[in-house]
C-alpha atoms as a PDB file:
ATOM      1  CA  MET A   1     111.322  75.439  95.892  1.00  0.00           C
ATOM      2  CA  ASN A   2     110.648  78.881  97.143  1.00  0.00           C
ATOM      3  CA  HIS A   3     112.190  81.992  96.444  1.00  0.00           C
ATOM      4  CA  ALA A   4     111.629  85.353  98.642  1.00  0.00           C
ATOM      5  CA  PHE A   5     112.621  88.334  96.388  1.00  0.00           C
ATOM      6  CA  THR A   6     111.470  92.091  96.096  1.00  0.00           C
ATOM      7  CA  LEU A   7     110.969  93.462  92.799  1.00  0.00           C
ATOM      8  CA  ARG A   8     111.105  97.979  92.725  1.00  0.00           C
ATOM      9  CA  VAL A   9     108.564  98.457  89.269  1.00  0.00           C
ATOM     10  CA  SER A  10     107.918 101.101  87.556  1.00  0.00           C
ATOM     11  CA  GLY A  11     105.269 102.207  84.704  1.00  0.00           C
ATOM     12  CA  ILE A  12     101.880 100.700  86.583  1.00  0.00           C
ATOM     13  CA  GLU A  13     100.335 103.311  88.199  1.00  0.00           C
ATOM     14  CA  THR A  14      99.054 103.108  91.459  1.00  0.00           C
ATOM     15  CA  ALA A  15      95.933 104.386  91.219  1.00  0.00           C
ATOM     16  CA  GLY A  16      92.492 102.269  90.020  1.00  0.00           C
ATOM     17  CA  ASN A  17      92.984  99.170  90.040  1.00  0.00           C
ATOM     18  CA  TYR A  18      97.049  98.020  89.333  1.00  0.00           C
ATOM     19  CA  GLU A  19      96.578  94.855  91.944  1.00  0.00           C
ATOM     20  CA  ASP A  20      94.138  93.077  90.017  1.00  0.00           C
ATOM     21  CA  ARG A  21      96.144  93.918  86.757  1.00  0.00           C
ATOM     22  CA  LEU A  22      99.455  92.608  88.557  1.00  0.00           C
ATOM     23  CA  PHE A  23      97.140  89.252  90.165  1.00  0.00           C
ATOM     24  CA  ASP A  24      95.648  88.220  86.986  1.00  0.00           C
ATOM     25  CA  ALA A  25      99.065  88.847  85.576  1.00  0.00           C
ATOM     26  CA  GLY A  26     100.376  86.732  87.737  1.00  0.00           C
ATOM     27  CA  CYS A  27     101.458  88.086  90.408  1.00  0.00           C
ATOM     28  CA  ASN A  28      99.267  86.654  92.876  1.00  0.00           C
ATOM     29  CA  ASP A  29     102.577  85.378  95.090  1.00  0.00           C
ATOM     30  CA  ALA A  30     103.729  88.458  95.744  1.00  0.00           C
ATOM     31  CA  LEU A  31     102.369  91.130  98.276  1.00  0.00           C
ATOM     32  CA  VAL A  32     102.329  95.307  97.099  1.00  0.00           C
ATOM     33  CA  ALA A  33     103.416  97.718  98.534  1.00  0.00           C
ATOM     34  CA  VAL A  34     103.822 101.334  97.312  1.00  0.00           C
ATOM     35  CA  VAL A  35     106.435 103.262  99.611  1.00  0.00           C
ATOM     36  CA  GLY A  36     107.960 107.217  99.145  1.00  0.00           C
ATOM     37  CA  GLY A  37     105.679 106.771  95.640  1.00  0.00           C
ATOM     38  CA  LYS A  38     107.215 103.369  94.671  1.00  0.00           C
ATOM     39  CA  LEU A  39     106.007 100.278  93.640  1.00  0.00           C
ATOM     40  CA  TYR A  40     107.004  96.941  95.512  1.00  0.00           C
ATOM     41  CA  LEU A  41     106.273  93.720  94.995  1.00  0.00           C
ATOM     42  CA  ASP A  42     107.867  90.749  97.806  1.00  0.00           C
ATOM     43  CA  PHE A  43     107.439  87.932  96.044  1.00  0.00           C
ATOM     44  CA  ASP A  44     107.391  84.217  97.203  1.00  0.00           C
ATOM     45  CA  ARG A  45     107.953  82.222  94.279  1.00  0.00           C
ATOM     46  CA  ASP A  46     108.334  78.420  93.387  1.00  0.00           C
ATOM     47  CA  ALA A  47     110.674  77.229  91.223  1.00  0.00           C
ATOM     48  CA  ALA A  48     113.971  75.325  90.063  1.00  0.00           C
ATOM     49  CA  SER A  49     116.409  78.231  90.982  1.00  0.00           C
ATOM     50  CA  PHE A  50     116.427  82.180  92.329  1.00  0.00           C
ATOM     51  CA  ASP A  51     117.032  83.174  88.533  1.00  0.00           C
ATOM     52  CA  ALA A  52     114.051  81.127  87.222  1.00  0.00           C
ATOM     53  CA  ALA A  53     111.917  82.764  90.021  1.00  0.00           C
ATOM     54  CA  VAL A  54     113.091  86.214  89.087  1.00  0.00           C
ATOM     55  CA  GLN A  55     112.447  85.946  85.327  1.00  0.00           C
ATOM     56  CA  SER A  56     109.336  84.069  85.630  1.00  0.00           C
ATOM     57  CA  ALA A  57     108.139  87.504  88.423  1.00  0.00           C
ATOM     58  CA  GLN A  58     109.681  89.956  85.621  1.00  0.00           C
ATOM     59  CA  ARG A  59     107.137  88.456  83.293  1.00  0.00           C
ATOM     60  CA  ASP A  60     104.553  88.804  84.808  1.00  0.00           C
ATOM     61  CA  VAL A  61     105.448  92.311  85.900  1.00  0.00           C
ATOM     62  CA  GLU A  62     105.808  93.182  81.849  1.00  0.00           C
ATOM     63  CA  ARG A  63     102.411  91.573  81.196  1.00  0.00           C
ATOM     64  CA  ALA A  64     100.452  93.728  83.840  1.00  0.00           C
ATOM     65  CA  GLY A  65     102.382  96.622  81.985  1.00  0.00           C
ATOM     66  CA  GLY A  66     104.913  97.317  84.952  1.00  0.00           C
ATOM     67  CA  HIS A  67     109.270  97.464  84.149  1.00  0.00           C
ATOM     68  CA  VAL A  68     111.449  96.332  86.562  1.00  0.00           C
ATOM     69  CA  GLU A  69     113.757  98.679  88.223  1.00  0.00           C
ATOM     70  CA  ALA A  70     115.899  96.761  90.719  1.00  0.00           C
ATOM     71  CA  VAL A  71     115.382  93.008  91.497  1.00  0.00           C
ATOM     72  CA  MET A  72     116.521  92.457  95.725  1.00  0.00           C
ATOM     73  CA  PRO A  73     117.230  90.024  97.439  1.00  0.00           C
ATOM     74  CA  PRO A  74     115.163  88.615 101.079  1.00  0.00           C
ATOM     75  CA  PRO A  75     117.890  90.361 103.969  1.00  0.00           C
ATOM     76  CA  GLY A  76     120.129  88.024 105.989  1.00  0.00           C
END
């Protein structure tokens, strides 16, 4: 089952090849955006539960050198 959510991430410099690092770390199912200097990853992740999806995405972000500041479910 797919679960949609957004992670606000810190610790990843948004210059250079940060998109490649995220992709290589497993965030290939995320849309990457920088808004107001903050990095956001919009995920559509396949997992057994919402919590499992968020936990696996968080591990991937950490593998890329980042830290999850906030988890936001989709609006609605």
